[in-house]
Amino acid sequence: MIPTSPSSRPGRRSPLLRTGSRLAAAALALGLLAGCTDAPSPAPAPEPSAATLAPSAGPPSGSEPATPGATPAPAPPTTAAPEAPSPPPAPASPAATALADLPVAAAGTMSDYDREGDFGGWADPDGNGCDARNDVLARDLTDVVTEDGCTVRSGTLEDPYTGTVIEFRRGVLTSSDVQIDHVVSLGNAWVSGARRLSQDQRVALANDPLNLLAVDGPTNGVKSDKHAGQWLPPNEAFRCEFVALQIAVKTRYDLWVTAPEKQAMAGVLADCPGQPLPGAAPVPEQAPAEEPAPEAAPAPAPAPAEEVHYPNCTAVREAGASPLHAGEPGYRAGLDGDRDGVACE
């Protein structure tokens, strides 16, 4: 039998193993105690910037480095293209020019307005034997039928205010279908200066064909005494001519417009820059100046009369010049013995 050493006996540890185990346990305990204490976290390292990461850029290849303190060369001057001249403004139309000349004032009062008393009834301004109402019906209607040479019995109206066609028949129930409108109503004329006119001038205004139109009766009732700032024809195609007519009438009779009225008129005329002024005499074309006729050459001066001298009456008779009268060549007092103006009888 081989004897065993005490260290190799089963169930017994060697002193070295027991000492190592104790040291390991102590280290583990110290580690656990250290883990229970809050330690400050280390600050994160700053991230590198793009400038740090990118390599410094040197001067471009082939170029010289800039000299410190050098002034950069100025940029070449640029020359702006010349602006095209703006076109001249279009000349104002005759109607717009007349509107600009009308005085502007506030409307007067209608408290003393008397249509019949101030403006009278229908008259015969052109002396043709027909009143102004029938003259305008005959002018504005087509297919006109009259009686007694004046009174319009029927006709067809192309109404300027509405653009519709109206068949006119004179009668109690139908005559009002077509009415004669004062383009500048007599009420508006009264409050815009007609009160200053004489009675004859107001009657002329009420019967002036320039201020009269055959129109749709109901539409005329809506218009009443309104000015252009308050009413315009529903037919927009007629508005330019309508406003021009009002301007022409107010110009002819020295009436004024209110500020809103003038503004409305100008707004309408802006759409018709060539609008003429009705009733205005056309400007005559200037005839070309005639070239002056060349001056006639002066007539040549008469040749001086040849001096004739007769020594006596015998010489006069021989020359066949007797008798000699005063003023004739060769006459002299010495040959006229009796001084009667006749020598050498």
Protein backbone atom coordinates (compact mmCIF):
# COMPACT_ATOMS: atom_id res chain seq x y z
CA MET A 1 0.00 0.00 0.00
CA ILE A 2 1.30 3.42 -0.94
CA PRO A 3 0.69 6.11 1.78
CA THR A 4 -1.05 9.34 0.76
CA SER A 5 -0.11 12.83 1.85
CA PRO A 6 -2.53 14.86 3.91
CA SER A 7 -3.04 17.32 1.04
CA SER A 8 -4.20 14.66 -1.28
CA ARG A 9 -6.80 13.32 0.94
CA PRO A 10 -10.29 13.58 -0.39
CA GLY A 11 -12.61 16.20 1.17
CA ARG A 12 -9.82 18.41 2.43
CA ARG A 13 -8.61 21.75 0.69
CA SER A 14 -5.11 22.94 0.64
CA PRO A 15 -4.22 26.09 2.59
CA LEU A 16 -3.42 27.96 -0.67
CA LEU A 17 -6.82 27.34 -2.17
CA ARG A 18 -8.55 28.48 0.97
CA THR A 19 -6.54 31.74 1.01
CA GLY A 20 -7.31 32.51 -2.69
CA SER A 21 -11.02 32.00 -2.15
CA ARG A 22 -11.07 34.42 0.71
CA LEU A 23 -9.31 37.13 -1.35
CA ALA A 24 -11.73 36.68 -4.23
CA ALA A 25 -14.73 37.03 -1.94
CA ALA A 26 -13.29 40.21 -0.43
CA ALA A 27 -12.70 41.73 -3.86
CA LEU A 28 -16.26 40.89 -4.92
CA ALA A 29 -17.64 42.57 -1.79
CA LEU A 30 -15.60 45.71 -2.43
CA GLY A 31 -16.87 45.82 -6.02
CA LEU A 32 -20.48 45.57 -4.90
CA LEU A 33 -19.98 48.40 -2.42
CA ALA A 34 -18.36 50.59 -5.09
CA GLY A 35 -21.30 49.99 -7.49
CA CYS A 36 -23.75 51.40 -4.98
CA THR A 37 -22.02 54.85 -5.01
CA ASP A 38 -23.05 57.42 -7.81
CA ALA A 39 -20.00 58.39 -9.70
CA PRO A 40 -20.02 61.47 -12.03
CA SER A 41 -20.37 60.54 -15.69
CA PRO A 42 -17.52 61.64 -17.83
CA ALA A 43 -18.34 64.58 -20.23
CA PRO A 44 -18.84 63.47 -23.80
CA ALA A 45 -16.07 64.30 -26.11
CA PRO A 46 -16.90 67.17 -28.52
CA GLU A 47 -17.75 66.08 -32.00
CA PRO A 48 -15.31 67.24 -34.60
CA SER A 49 -16.64 70.10 -36.78
CA ALA A 50 -16.56 70.15 -40.54
CA ALA A 51 -13.86 72.77 -40.38
CA THR A 52 -11.80 70.49 -38.16
CA LEU A 53 -12.31 67.45 -40.32
CA ALA A 54 -11.86 69.19 -43.69
CA PRO A 55 -8.36 69.95 -44.70
CA SER A 56 -7.54 73.62 -45.01
CA ALA A 57 -8.04 74.81 -48.57
CA GLY A 58 -5.07 76.39 -50.13
CA PRO A 59 -5.04 78.78 -53.03
CA PRO A 60 -6.41 77.32 -56.25
CA SER A 61 -3.92 75.70 -58.49
CA GLY A 62 -2.27 78.09 -60.88
CA SER A 63 -3.23 81.27 -58.95
CA GLU A 64 -1.00 83.46 -56.91
CA PRO A 65 -1.82 83.99 -53.24
CA ALA A 66 -3.49 87.31 -52.46
CA THR A 67 -1.18 90.00 -51.27
CA PRO A 68 -2.22 91.27 -47.81
CA GLY A 69 -3.66 94.80 -47.97
CA ALA A 70 -4.06 94.82 -51.76
CA THR A 71 -7.13 96.73 -53.14
CA PRO A 72 -9.32 94.65 -55.48
CA ALA A 73 -9.65 95.95 -59.02
CA PRO A 74 -12.97 97.83 -59.63
CA ALA A 75 -15.62 96.09 -61.69
CA PRO A 76 -16.08 97.50 -65.21
CA PRO A 77 -18.97 100.03 -65.35
CA THR A 78 -22.23 98.84 -66.85
CA THR A 79 -24.18 101.07 -69.20
CA ALA A 80 -28.00 100.85 -68.87
CA ALA A 81 -29.88 100.58 -72.12
CA PRO A 82 -31.74 103.84 -72.89
CA GLU A 83 -35.45 103.69 -72.18
CA ALA A 84 -37.76 104.01 -75.14
CA PRO A 85 -39.62 107.35 -75.10
CA SER A 86 -43.19 107.00 -73.89
CA PRO A 87 -45.82 107.75 -76.52
CA PRO A 88 -47.49 111.16 -76.25
CA PRO A 89 -50.92 111.13 -74.57
CA ALA A 90 -53.89 110.85 -76.87
CA PRO A 91 -55.68 114.16 -77.39
CA ALA A 92 -58.94 114.56 -75.48
CA SER A 93 -62.13 114.06 -77.47
CA PRO A 94 -64.30 117.10 -78.31
CA ALA A 95 -66.89 115.93 -75.78
CA ALA A 96 -64.27 115.47 -73.04
CA THR A 97 -62.78 118.88 -73.80
CA ALA A 98 -66.20 120.52 -73.52
CA LEU A 99 -66.83 118.69 -70.24
CA ALA A 100 -63.57 120.02 -68.82
CA ASP A 101 -64.75 123.56 -69.64
CA LEU A 102 -68.10 123.24 -67.84
CA PRO A 103 -68.23 124.97 -64.45
CA VAL A 104 -68.75 122.75 -61.39
CA ALA A 105 -71.15 123.83 -58.64
CA ALA A 106 -73.69 122.43 -56.23
CA ALA A 107 -77.25 121.94 -57.46
CA GLY A 108 -79.74 124.65 -56.67
CA THR A 109 -83.20 124.24 -55.21
CA MET A 110 -86.37 123.08 -56.98
CA SER A 111 -88.67 124.65 -54.41
CA ASP A 112 -89.63 127.41 -56.86
CA TYR A 113 -89.57 125.23 -60.01
CA ASP A 114 -92.61 125.62 -62.29
CA ARG A 115 -92.21 123.58 -65.46
CA GLU A 116 -94.99 125.17 -67.50
CA GLY A 117 -94.48 128.64 -66.09
CA ASP A 118 -90.68 128.63 -66.48
CA PHE A 119 -90.31 126.75 -69.77
CA GLY A 120 -93.70 127.02 -71.50
CA GLY A 121 -95.27 124.39 -73.74
CA TRP A 122 -94.38 122.99 -77.14
CA ALA A 123 -93.31 125.67 -79.60
CA ASP A 124 -92.36 125.78 -83.27
CA PRO A 125 -88.68 126.76 -83.11
CA ASP A 126 -87.92 126.22 -86.81
CA GLY A 127 -91.09 127.92 -88.09
CA ASN A 128 -92.19 124.99 -90.26
CA GLY A 129 -95.74 125.05 -88.90
CA CYS A 130 -95.27 121.91 -86.72
CA ASP A 131 -94.49 121.90 -83.01
CA ALA A 132 -91.23 120.50 -81.69
CA ARG A 133 -92.85 117.29 -80.38
CA ASN A 134 -94.11 116.21 -83.80
CA ASP A 135 -90.87 117.33 -85.45
CA VAL A 136 -88.90 114.99 -83.17
CA LEU A 137 -91.32 112.09 -83.70
CA ALA A 138 -90.96 112.53 -87.46
CA ARG A 139 -87.18 112.71 -87.11
CA ASP A 140 -86.65 109.70 -84.82
CA LEU A 141 -89.31 107.27 -86.08
CA THR A 142 -89.33 105.28 -89.30
CA ASP A 143 -92.30 104.38 -91.48
CA VAL A 144 -93.96 107.56 -90.25
CA VAL A 145 -97.62 108.22 -91.05
CA THR A 146 -98.83 111.80 -90.52
CA GLU A 147 -102.01 113.75 -90.89
CA ASP A 148 -102.29 117.42 -91.82
CA GLY A 149 -98.59 117.36 -92.68
CA CYS A 150 -97.53 117.59 -89.01
CA THR A 151 -99.28 115.29 -86.55
CA VAL A 152 -97.54 111.89 -86.42
CA ARG A 153 -100.12 109.11 -86.25
CA SER A 154 -97.82 106.09 -86.25
CA GLY A 155 -94.28 104.89 -86.80
CA THR A 156 -91.54 102.58 -85.54
CA LEU A 157 -88.98 103.62 -82.95
CA GLU A 158 -85.62 102.00 -82.30
CA ASP A 159 -85.41 103.19 -78.71
CA PRO A 160 -81.94 104.53 -77.87
CA TYR A 161 -82.42 104.11 -74.11
CA THR A 162 -83.30 100.41 -74.11
CA GLY A 163 -82.25 99.20 -77.56
CA THR A 164 -85.73 97.78 -78.17
CA VAL A 165 -88.13 98.35 -81.07
CA ILE A 166 -91.45 100.06 -80.24
CA GLU A 167 -94.46 100.43 -82.51
CA PHE A 168 -95.96 103.86 -81.94
CA ARG A 169 -99.70 104.45 -82.37
CA ARG A 170 -101.24 107.75 -81.43
CA GLY A 171 -104.13 107.26 -79.05
CA VAL A 172 -105.33 107.76 -75.50
CA LEU A 173 -103.96 104.41 -74.37
CA THR A 174 -100.91 104.16 -76.62
CA SER A 175 -99.38 107.61 -77.11
CA SER A 176 -97.40 107.33 -73.84
CA ASP A 177 -95.54 104.28 -75.16
CA VAL A 178 -93.23 106.73 -76.89
CA GLN A 179 -92.42 109.98 -75.15
CA ILE A 180 -90.27 112.98 -76.02
CA ASP A 181 -87.50 113.25 -73.43
CA HIS A 182 -85.52 116.35 -72.55
CA VAL A 183 -82.02 114.85 -72.45
CA VAL A 184 -81.09 117.48 -69.89
CA SER A 185 -84.34 117.42 -67.98
CA LEU A 186 -85.95 120.78 -67.38
CA GLY A 187 -85.81 120.16 -63.63
CA ASN A 188 -82.06 119.50 -63.79
CA ALA A 189 -81.60 122.53 -66.03
CA TRP A 190 -83.43 124.66 -63.46
CA VAL A 191 -81.09 123.67 -60.59
CA SER A 192 -77.95 123.99 -62.73
CA GLY A 193 -78.33 127.55 -63.96
CA ALA A 194 -81.50 127.86 -66.06
CA ARG A 195 -83.09 130.09 -63.45
CA ARG A 196 -80.63 132.79 -64.59
CA LEU A 197 -81.82 132.55 -68.20
CA SER A 198 -84.49 134.75 -69.70
CA GLN A 199 -87.93 133.32 -70.38
CA ASP A 200 -87.22 133.22 -74.11
CA GLN A 201 -83.97 131.32 -73.50
CA ARG A 202 -85.73 128.76 -71.30
CA VAL A 203 -88.44 128.21 -73.93
CA ALA A 204 -85.69 127.74 -76.53
CA LEU A 205 -84.00 125.18 -74.26
CA ALA A 206 -87.26 123.25 -73.82
CA ASN A 207 -87.83 123.10 -77.60
CA ASP A 208 -84.26 122.72 -78.84
CA PRO A 209 -83.99 119.57 -81.04
CA LEU A 210 -80.50 119.03 -79.62
CA ASN A 211 -82.12 118.39 -76.22
CA LEU A 212 -85.03 116.22 -77.44
CA LEU A 213 -85.24 112.47 -78.11
CA ALA A 214 -88.13 110.10 -78.80
CA VAL A 215 -87.69 107.30 -76.25
CA ASP A 216 -89.45 104.48 -74.41
CA GLY A 217 -92.09 106.05 -72.17
CA PRO A 218 -91.64 103.95 -68.98
CA THR A 219 -87.85 104.32 -69.13
CA ASN A 220 -88.23 108.06 -69.48
CA GLY A 221 -90.33 108.03 -66.33
CA VAL A 222 -87.53 106.29 -64.44
CA LYS A 223 -85.00 108.86 -65.67
CA SER A 224 -87.17 111.80 -64.59
CA ASP A 225 -84.99 114.76 -63.47
CA LYS A 226 -81.87 112.71 -62.67
CA HIS A 227 -78.44 113.74 -63.91
CA ALA A 228 -75.75 111.42 -65.32
CA GLY A 229 -74.37 110.67 -61.88
CA GLN A 230 -77.78 109.26 -60.90
CA TRP A 231 -79.03 107.62 -64.09
CA LEU A 232 -77.64 106.32 -67.38
CA PRO A 233 -79.48 104.52 -70.20
CA PRO A 234 -79.77 100.74 -69.74
CA ASN A 235 -78.50 100.46 -73.31
CA GLU A 236 -74.75 100.80 -72.65
CA ALA A 237 -74.02 101.29 -76.36
CA PHE A 238 -75.83 104.65 -76.20
CA ARG A 239 -74.20 106.03 -73.05
CA CYS A 240 -71.37 107.85 -74.77
CA GLU A 241 -73.75 109.70 -77.09
CA PHE A 242 -76.19 110.35 -74.22
CA VAL A 243 -73.51 111.97 -72.05
CA ALA A 244 -72.15 113.94 -75.03
CA LEU A 245 -75.65 115.30 -75.71
CA GLN A 246 -75.99 116.47 -72.11
CA ILE A 247 -72.59 118.16 -72.28
CA ALA A 248 -73.53 119.87 -75.56
CA VAL A 249 -76.81 121.20 -74.14
CA LYS A 250 -75.19 122.45 -70.94
CA THR A 251 -72.46 124.10 -72.99
CA ARG A 252 -74.96 125.80 -75.31
CA TYR A 253 -77.07 127.23 -72.44
CA ASP A 254 -74.24 128.00 -69.96
CA LEU A 255 -75.36 125.46 -67.37
CA TRP A 256 -73.11 123.82 -64.80
CA VAL A 257 -72.55 120.26 -63.56
CA THR A 258 -72.17 118.91 -60.04
CA ALA A 259 -68.97 117.13 -59.03
CA PRO A 260 -70.57 113.62 -59.01
CA GLU A 261 -72.22 114.38 -62.35
CA LYS A 262 -68.93 115.42 -63.94
CA GLN A 263 -67.15 112.37 -62.53
CA ALA A 264 -69.80 110.05 -63.99
CA MET A 265 -69.63 111.76 -67.38
CA ALA A 266 -65.85 111.51 -67.48
CA GLY A 267 -66.06 107.83 -66.60
CA VAL A 268 -68.39 107.19 -69.54
CA LEU A 269 -66.27 109.19 -71.98
CA ALA A 270 -63.17 107.23 -70.98
CA ASP A 271 -64.60 104.33 -73.00
CA CYS A 272 -65.07 106.44 -76.15
CA PRO A 273 -61.96 108.59 -76.62
CA GLY A 274 -63.06 109.98 -79.99
CA GLN A 275 -66.58 111.05 -78.94
CA PRO A 276 -67.64 114.18 -80.87
CA LEU A 277 -69.70 116.97 -79.36
CA PRO A 278 -73.19 116.90 -80.94
CA GLY A 279 -74.42 120.13 -82.42
CA ALA A 280 -70.94 121.63 -82.60
CA ALA A 281 -70.06 123.23 -85.87
CA PRO A 282 -67.33 121.19 -87.58
CA VAL A 283 -64.01 122.90 -87.77
CA PRO A 284 -63.59 123.98 -91.39
CA GLU A 285 -60.56 122.63 -93.14
CA GLN A 286 -58.06 125.33 -93.77
CA ALA A 287 -57.63 125.97 -97.46
CA PRO A 288 -54.03 126.05 -98.60
CA ALA A 289 -52.69 129.54 -98.77
CA GLU A 290 -52.62 130.90 -102.28
CA GLU A 291 -49.25 131.96 -103.52
CA PRO A 292 -49.22 135.66 -104.29
CA ALA A 293 -49.25 136.48 -107.96
CA PRO A 294 -45.95 137.79 -109.21
CA GLU A 295 -45.84 141.52 -109.38
CA ALA A 296 -46.19 142.88 -112.87
CA ALA A 297 -43.14 144.52 -114.25
CA PRO A 298 -43.50 148.27 -114.16
CA ALA A 299 -44.40 149.82 -117.47
CA PRO A 300 -41.46 151.48 -119.13
CA ALA A 301 -41.36 155.19 -118.70
CA PRO A 302 -42.50 156.98 -121.81
CA ALA A 303 -39.73 158.33 -123.92
CA PRO A 304 -39.37 162.03 -123.49
CA ALA A 305 -41.22 163.88 -126.25
CA GLU A 306 -38.96 165.26 -128.89
CA GLU A 307 -38.89 169.03 -128.60
CA VAL A 308 -40.47 170.69 -131.65
CA HIS A 309 -39.79 174.28 -132.52
CA TYR A 310 -41.45 176.19 -135.24
CA PRO A 311 -39.91 179.55 -135.98
CA ASN A 312 -43.19 180.89 -137.39
CA CYS A 313 -46.64 179.88 -138.52
CA THR A 314 -45.40 179.39 -142.12
CA ALA A 315 -43.22 176.56 -140.81
CA VAL A 316 -46.16 175.17 -138.89
CA ARG A 317 -48.30 175.14 -141.98
CA GLU A 318 -45.55 173.64 -144.11
CA ALA A 319 -45.17 170.87 -141.52
CA GLY A 320 -48.94 170.24 -141.68
CA ALA A 321 -49.28 170.86 -137.94
CA SER A 322 -51.62 173.84 -138.03
CA PRO A 323 -53.53 174.80 -136.14
CA LEU A 324 -51.53 174.25 -132.97
CA HIS A 325 -53.39 173.93 -129.69
CA ALA A 326 -51.99 174.66 -126.31
CA GLY A 327 -50.16 171.58 -124.98
CA GLU A 328 -49.31 170.17 -128.37
CA PRO A 329 -45.67 169.88 -129.46
CA GLY A 330 -44.46 173.11 -131.04
CA TYR A 331 -47.15 175.34 -129.51
CA ARG A 332 -45.88 178.51 -127.92
CA ALA A 333 -47.42 181.76 -126.99
CA GLY A 334 -45.39 183.64 -129.60
CA LEU A 335 -47.36 181.82 -132.32
CA ASP A 336 -50.77 182.47 -130.70
CA GLY A 337 -51.35 186.13 -131.46
CA ASP A 338 -54.82 186.37 -129.91
CA ARG A 339 -53.95 184.20 -126.92
CA ASP A 340 -56.98 181.96 -127.41
CA GLY A 341 -55.00 178.74 -127.07
CA VAL A 342 -54.96 178.06 -130.79
CA ALA A 343 -52.00 179.17 -132.84
CA CYS A 344 -51.52 179.47 -136.55
CA GLU A 345 -55.21 179.07 -137.50
